């Protein structure tokens, strides 16, 4: 009898659990239906406090302006910014956005505002990704949906290093005020890097083995650094900007990622475009919520500027002690490239990020134009004795 009763109770328990689980929504939008407790939506924006139509602020030359400062706990869930003059007059490479969490004196986010939102070389162009996008007109509406939690206050600062005043700076920053952050909530971090890479001293710019047998790179020596992080957390994405002075393919470089102080790569890639989820040397504009090519070169071969992005939304890269993300500039680091990147990640606490390159180092290298190529051809002709019928190959 007892066994029958126990079986009945077990059966009823299974039915109840099945009914409960059957009522749990399981789709991408299901979280929107869940009623939150202890959360209040708030906003800080540049609206005209007089009730007029001047819904912007001005930021003087060399001024550092705090645009967001709150106390207590909360989560920023949306940022929208636009500026004037346009990029032709006001350099987005020299307007720096900094974010401070939990009352820290150091920022955990430091980047030029253009590259942070996915606009390279002080250009503006439209694209659509899940956490970051640039909206019409001409990509001048900069949008961020990365969640940015804080438990003891937050501050966002704009550092105007452009050499001129920002006449119109519009912004809206939305956040949810909380009684307390959930346990294990990370802090958002972001860091900008830029480097003019050098060629191999022994191989020259020997990509695709055009100049001879290529060398090998097993340990990532001289790789370009996208992120170098100490602590516990997970990496969630990168905007990567490539300016190539050669028409040869820039993307034979592999990513090499070192996790928890590994001396050899923990994760080895198979090519730059492969890490960015594409293949076979693309040069087509393409935008997916998680990855894309919103800006591509339209010159000979792969000469010129290309912007790639990948966000690890469903596949974060986890680390417990340290994380170093590097990538080759051409196979075995043989190419001179003007590279810049903005990395995004979360850590268990708000940590400082390294200093970013100064204004001189941030300045984009100029594009190679038709006149440059023709002058190089002229020097080649002279080196060959100026035969009037020299062709080129």
Protein backbone atom coordinates (compact mmCIF):
# COMPACT_ATOMS: atom_id res chain seq x y z
CA UNK A 1 0.00 0.00 0.00
CA UNK A 2 2.77 2.42 0.95
CA UNK A 3 4.52 1.65 -2.34
CA UNK A 4 1.32 2.46 -4.29
CA UNK A 5 0.90 5.76 -2.45
CA UNK A 6 4.53 6.70 -3.08
CA UNK A 7 4.14 5.92 -6.79
CA UNK A 8 0.99 8.05 -6.94
CA UNK A 9 2.77 10.95 -5.22
CA UNK A 10 5.70 10.60 -7.59
CA UNK A 11 3.36 10.59 -10.60
CA UNK A 12 1.54 13.72 -9.35
CA UNK A 13 4.86 15.47 -8.76
CA UNK A 14 5.97 14.69 -12.32
CA UNK A 15 2.66 16.02 -13.69
CA UNK A 16 2.96 19.24 -11.68
CA UNK A 17 6.57 19.79 -12.77
CA UNK A 18 5.62 19.10 -16.39
CA UNK A 19 2.79 21.61 -16.20
CA UNK A 20 5.04 24.25 -14.69
CA UNK A 21 7.78 23.73 -17.25
CA UNK A 22 5.26 23.73 -20.10
CA UNK A 23 4.26 27.28 -19.13
CA UNK A 24 7.81 28.69 -19.24
CA UNK A 25 8.31 30.75 -22.39
CA UNK A 26 11.37 29.87 -24.39
CA UNK A 27 12.04 32.26 -27.26
CA UNK A 28 14.20 35.30 -27.96
CA UNK A 29 11.54 37.76 -26.81
CA UNK A 30 10.26 35.83 -23.79
CA UNK A 31 12.22 37.95 -21.31
CA UNK A 32 10.10 40.97 -22.29
CA UNK A 33 7.07 39.34 -20.70
CA UNK A 34 8.73 38.79 -17.34
CA UNK A 35 7.65 41.41 -14.79
CA UNK A 36 10.72 42.79 -13.02
CA UNK A 37 10.87 43.64 -9.33
CA UNK A 38 12.65 46.63 -7.80
CA UNK A 39 13.47 48.32 -11.14
CA UNK A 40 12.61 51.85 -12.29
CA UNK A 41 13.35 53.26 -15.73
CA UNK A 42 15.23 56.55 -15.83
CA UNK A 43 16.96 58.74 -18.39
CA UNK A 44 19.60 61.44 -18.55
CA UNK A 45 19.62 63.39 -21.81
CA UNK A 46 20.58 66.71 -23.38
CA UNK A 47 16.99 67.99 -23.50
CA UNK A 48 16.46 71.74 -23.15
CA UNK A 49 15.79 72.34 -19.46
CA UNK A 50 13.90 75.56 -20.30
CA UNK A 51 11.33 73.67 -22.38
CA UNK A 52 12.68 75.13 -25.60
CA UNK A 53 14.06 73.36 -28.64
CA UNK A 54 17.80 73.58 -27.97
CA UNK A 55 18.09 69.92 -26.96
CA UNK A 56 21.89 69.78 -27.01
CA UNK A 57 24.93 70.83 -25.06
CA UNK A 58 28.16 72.47 -26.18
CA UNK A 59 31.57 71.11 -25.28
CA UNK A 60 34.41 73.57 -25.55
CA UNK A 61 37.83 72.87 -27.00
CA UNK A 62 39.89 70.77 -24.54
CA UNK A 63 36.90 70.50 -22.18
CA UNK A 64 36.00 67.32 -20.28
CA UNK A 65 32.23 67.23 -19.84
CA UNK A 66 30.34 64.78 -17.60
CA UNK A 67 27.15 63.82 -19.44
CA UNK A 68 25.93 61.07 -17.10
CA UNK A 69 26.37 60.75 -13.34
CA UNK A 70 24.15 58.77 -10.98
CA UNK A 71 24.48 57.16 -7.57
CA UNK A 72 23.37 53.77 -6.31
CA UNK A 73 22.84 50.62 -8.36
CA UNK A 74 21.59 50.36 -11.91
CA UNK A 75 22.09 49.12 -15.45
CA UNK A 76 22.54 51.36 -18.49
CA UNK A 77 20.68 49.66 -21.34
CA UNK A 78 20.66 52.22 -24.17
CA UNK A 79 22.86 55.09 -25.37
CA UNK A 80 22.16 57.36 -28.34
CA UNK A 81 24.54 60.16 -29.39
CA UNK A 82 24.91 62.49 -32.35
CA UNK A 83 27.22 65.44 -32.87
CA UNK A 84 27.79 68.44 -35.10
CA UNK A 85 29.75 69.63 -37.02
CA UNK A 86 30.03 66.57 -39.24
CA UNK A 87 33.14 64.33 -39.34
CA UNK A 88 34.70 66.42 -42.10
CA UNK A 89 35.10 69.25 -39.58
CA UNK A 90 34.93 67.56 -36.17
CA UNK A 91 37.11 64.46 -35.79
CA UNK A 92 35.35 61.56 -34.10
CA UNK A 93 38.80 60.08 -33.54
CA UNK A 94 39.59 62.92 -31.12
CA UNK A 95 36.41 62.97 -29.05
CA UNK A 96 37.04 60.43 -26.28
CA UNK A 97 34.29 58.64 -24.36
CA UNK A 98 35.16 57.39 -20.86
CA UNK A 99 33.01 55.39 -18.45
CA UNK A 100 33.54 54.99 -14.71
CA UNK A 101 31.80 52.39 -12.54
CA UNK A 102 31.23 52.02 -8.78
CA UNK A 103 32.90 55.27 -7.72
CA UNK A 104 36.28 54.29 -9.17
CA UNK A 105 38.69 57.11 -10.06
CA UNK A 106 39.82 55.27 -13.18
CA UNK A 107 37.71 54.54 -16.27
CA UNK A 108 36.86 51.02 -17.40
CA UNK A 109 35.92 52.26 -20.88
CA UNK A 110 38.24 54.51 -22.92
CA UNK A 111 37.84 54.94 -26.68
CA UNK A 112 37.44 57.57 -29.38
CA UNK A 113 33.71 57.98 -29.80
CA UNK A 114 33.66 57.10 -33.50
CA UNK A 115 35.52 53.78 -33.29
CA UNK A 116 33.60 52.82 -30.10
CA UNK A 117 30.28 53.02 -31.96
CA UNK A 118 31.70 51.38 -35.10
CA UNK A 119 32.85 54.34 -37.20
CA UNK A 120 36.49 54.10 -38.31
CA UNK A 121 38.97 56.70 -39.65
CA UNK A 122 36.71 59.65 -38.76
CA UNK A 123 34.27 58.48 -41.44
CA UNK A 124 30.53 58.01 -41.03
CA UNK A 125 28.52 55.22 -42.63
CA UNK A 126 25.39 53.29 -41.75
CA UNK A 127 25.29 49.74 -40.42
CA UNK A 128 23.15 47.57 -38.19
CA UNK A 129 24.41 45.14 -35.53
CA UNK A 130 22.80 43.93 -32.32
CA UNK A 131 24.77 45.79 -29.62
CA UNK A 132 26.02 48.73 -31.73
CA UNK A 133 24.77 50.50 -34.83
CA UNK A 134 25.04 53.70 -36.83
CA UNK A 135 21.76 55.06 -38.15
CA UNK A 136 20.70 57.52 -40.85
CA UNK A 137 21.66 60.12 -41.93
CA UNK A 138 25.05 58.74 -43.09
CA UNK A 139 25.60 56.85 -39.86
CA UNK A 140 25.61 59.98 -37.72
CA UNK A 141 23.22 58.54 -35.14
CA UNK A 142 25.43 56.39 -32.86
CA UNK A 143 23.58 53.74 -30.84
CA UNK A 144 24.68 51.27 -28.14
CA UNK A 145 22.62 48.48 -26.54
CA UNK A 146 25.39 46.86 -24.47
CA UNK A 147 24.16 46.53 -20.88
CA UNK A 148 26.40 48.36 -18.42
CA UNK A 149 25.75 47.47 -14.75
CA UNK A 150 26.98 49.36 -11.69
CA UNK A 151 26.40 48.89 -7.97
CA UNK A 152 27.75 52.13 -6.49
CA UNK A 153 27.30 54.88 -9.05
CA UNK A 154 28.29 55.50 -12.67
CA UNK A 155 29.73 58.38 -14.66
CA UNK A 156 30.25 58.99 -18.40
CA UNK A 157 32.63 61.69 -19.55
CA UNK A 158 33.30 63.21 -22.98
CA UNK A 159 36.87 64.47 -23.43
CA UNK A 160 37.07 66.88 -26.37
CA UNK A 161 40.58 66.58 -27.82
CA UNK A 162 39.51 67.65 -31.32
CA UNK A 163 41.09 71.10 -31.24
CA UNK A 164 37.74 72.86 -31.70
CA UNK A 165 34.44 73.21 -29.86
CA UNK A 166 31.62 70.74 -30.31
CA UNK A 167 28.74 73.00 -31.25
CA UNK A 168 25.95 70.45 -30.86
CA UNK A 169 26.20 67.31 -28.73
CA UNK A 170 22.88 65.47 -28.39
CA UNK A 171 22.46 62.38 -26.20
CA UNK A 172 20.01 60.12 -24.40
CA UNK A 173 21.23 57.56 -21.87
CA UNK A 174 18.57 55.19 -20.52
CA UNK A 175 19.07 53.07 -17.43
CA UNK A 176 17.18 51.00 -14.89
CA UNK A 177 17.68 52.03 -11.27
CA UNK A 178 17.85 49.00 -8.95
CA UNK A 179 17.74 48.34 -5.25
CA UNK A 180 20.62 45.92 -5.72
CA UNK A 181 22.41 44.25 -8.62
CA UNK A 182 21.88 40.51 -9.05
CA UNK A 183 24.77 38.34 -7.88
CA UNK A 184 27.62 37.71 -10.34
CA UNK A 185 26.79 40.74 -12.46
CA UNK A 186 29.87 41.82 -14.42
CA UNK A 187 31.13 45.28 -15.29
CA UNK A 188 31.37 46.44 -18.89
CA UNK A 189 34.84 47.31 -20.25
CA UNK A 190 36.10 48.62 -23.57
CA UNK A 191 39.52 49.63 -24.90
CA UNK A 192 40.83 51.19 -28.11
CA UNK A 193 44.15 50.33 -29.70
CA UNK A 194 45.88 51.49 -32.87
CA UNK A 195 49.17 50.56 -34.51
CA UNK A 196 51.01 51.05 -37.77
CA UNK A 197 52.45 47.56 -38.12
CA UNK A 198 55.81 46.80 -39.70
CA UNK A 199 56.84 44.25 -42.30
CA UNK A 200 58.97 41.20 -41.65
CA UNK A 201 62.66 42.18 -41.67
CA UNK A 202 63.57 38.90 -43.35
CA UNK A 203 60.61 38.34 -45.70
CA UNK A 204 59.42 41.82 -46.58
CA UNK A 205 55.72 41.99 -47.49
CA UNK A 206 55.69 38.35 -48.54
CA UNK A 207 51.97 37.62 -48.48
CA UNK A 208 50.67 34.56 -50.36
CA UNK A 209 54.33 33.58 -50.85
CA UNK A 210 54.59 36.03 -53.78
CA UNK A 211 58.17 36.91 -52.84
CA UNK A 212 59.34 33.46 -51.74
CA UNK A 213 58.70 30.75 -49.20
CA UNK A 214 56.72 32.17 -46.23
CA UNK A 215 57.86 31.77 -42.63
CA UNK A 216 56.00 30.37 -39.62
CA UNK A 217 54.44 31.93 -36.53
CA UNK A 218 53.50 29.60 -33.70
CA UNK A 219 53.55 31.81 -30.59
CA UNK A 220 52.13 35.12 -31.81
CA UNK A 221 55.31 37.18 -31.63
CA UNK A 222 54.70 40.70 -33.01
CA UNK A 223 50.96 40.06 -33.42
CA UNK A 224 48.62 43.05 -33.19
CA UNK A 225 46.98 43.22 -29.73
CA UNK A 226 43.19 43.61 -29.57
CA UNK A 227 42.89 43.07 -25.79
CA UNK A 228 45.19 42.27 -22.86
CA UNK A 229 43.10 41.73 -19.74
CA UNK A 230 43.86 40.70 -16.16
CA UNK A 231 41.11 39.22 -14.00
CA UNK A 232 38.00 37.08 -14.45
CA UNK A 233 35.35 37.65 -17.07
CA UNK A 234 34.30 37.06 -20.65
CA UNK A 235 35.12 38.72 -23.95
CA UNK A 236 32.11 39.80 -26.03
CA UNK A 237 33.34 41.41 -29.22
CA UNK A 238 35.52 43.69 -31.32
CA UNK A 239 35.33 46.37 -33.99
CA UNK A 240 38.38 45.98 -36.22
CA UNK A 241 39.57 48.62 -38.69
CA UNK A 242 42.10 47.81 -41.44
CA UNK A 243 43.75 50.30 -43.81
CA UNK A 244 45.92 48.47 -46.35
CA UNK A 245 48.50 50.27 -48.55
CA UNK A 246 48.85 47.21 -50.78
CA UNK A 247 46.29 45.56 -53.07
CA UNK A 248 47.31 42.10 -51.80
CA UNK A 249 44.85 40.39 -49.41
CA UNK A 250 45.34 41.67 -45.85
CA UNK A 251 43.54 38.84 -44.11
CA UNK A 252 45.84 35.81 -43.99
CA UNK A 253 46.60 36.74 -40.39
CA UNK A 254 45.23 34.28 -37.81
CA UNK A 255 43.81 35.19 -34.43
CA UNK A 256 45.79 33.76 -31.51
CA UNK A 257 44.06 33.98 -28.14
CA UNK A 258 45.85 33.24 -24.87
CA UNK A 259 43.63 32.38 -21.87
CA UNK A 260 44.72 32.39 -18.21
CA UNK A 261 48.39 33.23 -18.88
CA UNK A 262 48.96 30.44 -21.40
CA UNK A 263 52.34 30.66 -23.14
CA UNK A 264 50.95 29.11 -26.31
CA UNK A 265 47.68 30.08 -27.99
CA UNK A 266 44.64 28.54 -26.33
CA UNK A 267 42.53 29.32 -29.40
CA UNK A 268 44.07 29.31 -32.88
CA UNK A 269 42.28 30.75 -35.89
CA UNK A 270 42.51 30.04 -39.61
CA UNK A 271 42.43 33.56 -41.06
CA UNK A 272 41.18 37.06 -40.36
CA UNK A 273 37.97 36.78 -42.39
CA UNK A 274 37.33 33.37 -40.83
CA UNK A 275 37.28 34.83 -37.31
CA UNK A 276 34.78 37.40 -38.59
CA UNK A 277 32.55 34.55 -39.87
CA UNK A 278 33.17 35.13 -43.58
CA UNK A 279 35.36 33.39 -46.16
CA UNK A 280 37.43 33.71 -49.32
CA UNK A 281 38.68 37.32 -49.03
CA UNK A 282 35.37 39.23 -49.02
CA UNK A 283 34.92 42.86 -50.00
CA UNK A 284 31.13 43.14 -49.91
CA UNK A 285 29.17 45.30 -47.47
CA UNK A 286 27.35 42.94 -45.10
CA UNK A 287 25.66 43.41 -41.72
CA UNK A 288 24.48 40.59 -39.44
CA UNK A 289 23.42 41.17 -35.82
CA UNK A 290 26.60 39.40 -34.64
CA UNK A 291 29.17 40.06 -37.40
CA UNK A 292 29.73 42.00 -40.57
CA UNK A 293 31.65 44.22 -42.99
CA UNK A 294 29.91 47.62 -42.88
CA UNK A 295 32.73 49.44 -44.70
CA UNK A 296 34.84 47.85 -47.47
CA UNK A 297 37.54 49.14 -49.77
CA UNK A 298 36.45 49.86 -53.33
CA UNK A 299 39.92 50.12 -54.83
CA UNK A 300 42.31 47.74 -56.59
CA UNK A 301 42.29 44.36 -54.87
CA UNK A 302 42.12 44.98 -51.13
CA UNK A 303 43.84 48.36 -51.18
CA UNK A 304 42.17 50.78 -48.78
CA UNK A 305 39.90 50.72 -45.73
CA UNK A 306 37.81 47.87 -44.36
CA UNK A 307 35.79 47.69 -41.14
CA UNK A 308 34.98 44.25 -39.67
CA UNK A 309 33.07 43.42 -36.50
CA UNK A 310 32.20 40.32 -34.50
CA UNK A 311 30.15 40.21 -31.30
CA UNK A 312 30.18 37.08 -29.12
CA UNK A 313 26.53 37.28 -28.07
CA UNK A 314 25.84 33.55 -27.75
CA UNK A 315 29.48 32.44 -27.63
CA UNK A 316 31.43 34.60 -25.16
CA UNK A 317 35.09 33.77 -24.61
CA UNK A 318 35.53 32.97 -20.91
CA UNK A 319 38.64 33.48 -18.78
CA UNK A 320 39.43 33.16 -15.07
CA UNK A 321 42.77 34.94 -14.63
CA UNK A 322 43.79 36.65 -17.85
CA UNK A 323 42.88 37.02 -21.52
CA UNK A 324 45.06 38.20 -24.40
CA UNK A 325 43.57 38.50 -27.87
CA UNK A 326 46.09 38.95 -30.70
CA UNK A 327 45.93 38.70 -34.47
CA UNK A 328 48.58 38.52 -37.17
CA UNK A 329 48.95 41.38 -39.67
CA UNK A 330 49.26 39.13 -42.68
CA UNK A 331 50.58 35.59 -42.32
CA UNK A 332 53.64 35.64 -40.04
CA UNK A 333 53.13 39.42 -39.60
CA UNK A 334 54.56 40.40 -42.98
CA UNK A 335 52.28 43.32 -43.87
CA UNK A 336 52.48 47.02 -43.09
CA UNK A 337 48.88 47.84 -42.10
CA UNK A 338 47.23 50.75 -40.34
CA UNK A 339 45.20 48.83 -37.74
CA UNK A 340 42.78 50.03 -35.07
CA UNK A 341 40.34 48.16 -32.85
CA UNK A 342 37.87 48.53 -30.02
CA UNK A 343 37.45 45.51 -27.75
CA UNK A 344 34.41 44.88 -25.50
CA UNK A 345 34.25 42.59 -22.46
CA UNK A 346 32.82 42.06 -18.96
CA UNK A 347 34.78 41.48 -15.75
CA UNK A 348 33.80 40.51 -12.24
CA UNK A 349 34.68 44.01 -11.03
CA UNK A 350 35.46 47.40 -12.53
CA UNK A 351 39.14 47.47 -13.52
CA UNK A 352 41.23 50.12 -15.29
CA UNK A 353 42.07 49.71 -18.96
CA UNK A 354 45.48 50.61 -20.46
CA UNK A 355 46.07 54.12 -21.84
CA UNK A 356 45.00 54.57 -25.45
CA UNK A 357 47.27 56.01 -28.19
CA UNK A 358 47.55 59.80 -28.23
CA UNK A 359 46.08 62.10 -30.87
CA UNK A 360 49.13 61.91 -33.14
CA UNK A 361 49.14 58.11 -33.05
CA UNK A 362 45.36 57.98 -33.60
CA UNK A 363 45.56 59.96 -36.83
CA UNK A 364 44.59 57.68 -39.74
CA UNK A 365 47.17 57.02 -42.41
CA UNK A 366 46.16 58.54 -45.76
CA UNK A 367 44.69 56.45 -48.54
CA UNK A 368 46.95 55.36 -51.38
CA UNK A 369 45.69 57.10 -54.54
CA UNK A 370 46.14 56.82 -58.30
CA UNK A 371 48.93 59.40 -58.32
CA UNK A 372 50.92 57.42 -55.74
CA UNK A 373 50.68 54.25 -57.82
CA UNK A 374 51.68 56.08 -60.99
CA UNK A 375 54.72 57.64 -59.33
CA UNK A 376 55.79 54.20 -58.08
CA UNK A 377 55.41 52.88 -61.64
CA UNK A 378 57.55 55.76 -62.89
CA UNK A 379 60.34 54.86 -60.43
CA UNK A 380 60.12 51.24 -61.59
CA UNK A 381 60.40 52.34 -65.22
CA UNK A 382 63.51 54.36 -64.41
CA UNK A 383 65.03 51.36 -62.59
CA UNK A 384 64.52 49.32 -65.79
CA UNK A 385 66.21 51.86 -68.08
CA UNK A 386 63.02 53.66 -69.21
CA UNK A 387 62.33 51.33 -72.11
CA UNK A 388 59.38 53.03 -73.84
CA UNK A 389 57.46 49.73 -74.11
CA UNK A 390 57.78 48.53 -70.51
CA UNK A 391 54.52 46.96 -69.45
CA UNK A 392 54.75 46.21 -65.76
CA UNK A 393 55.11 42.52 -65.06
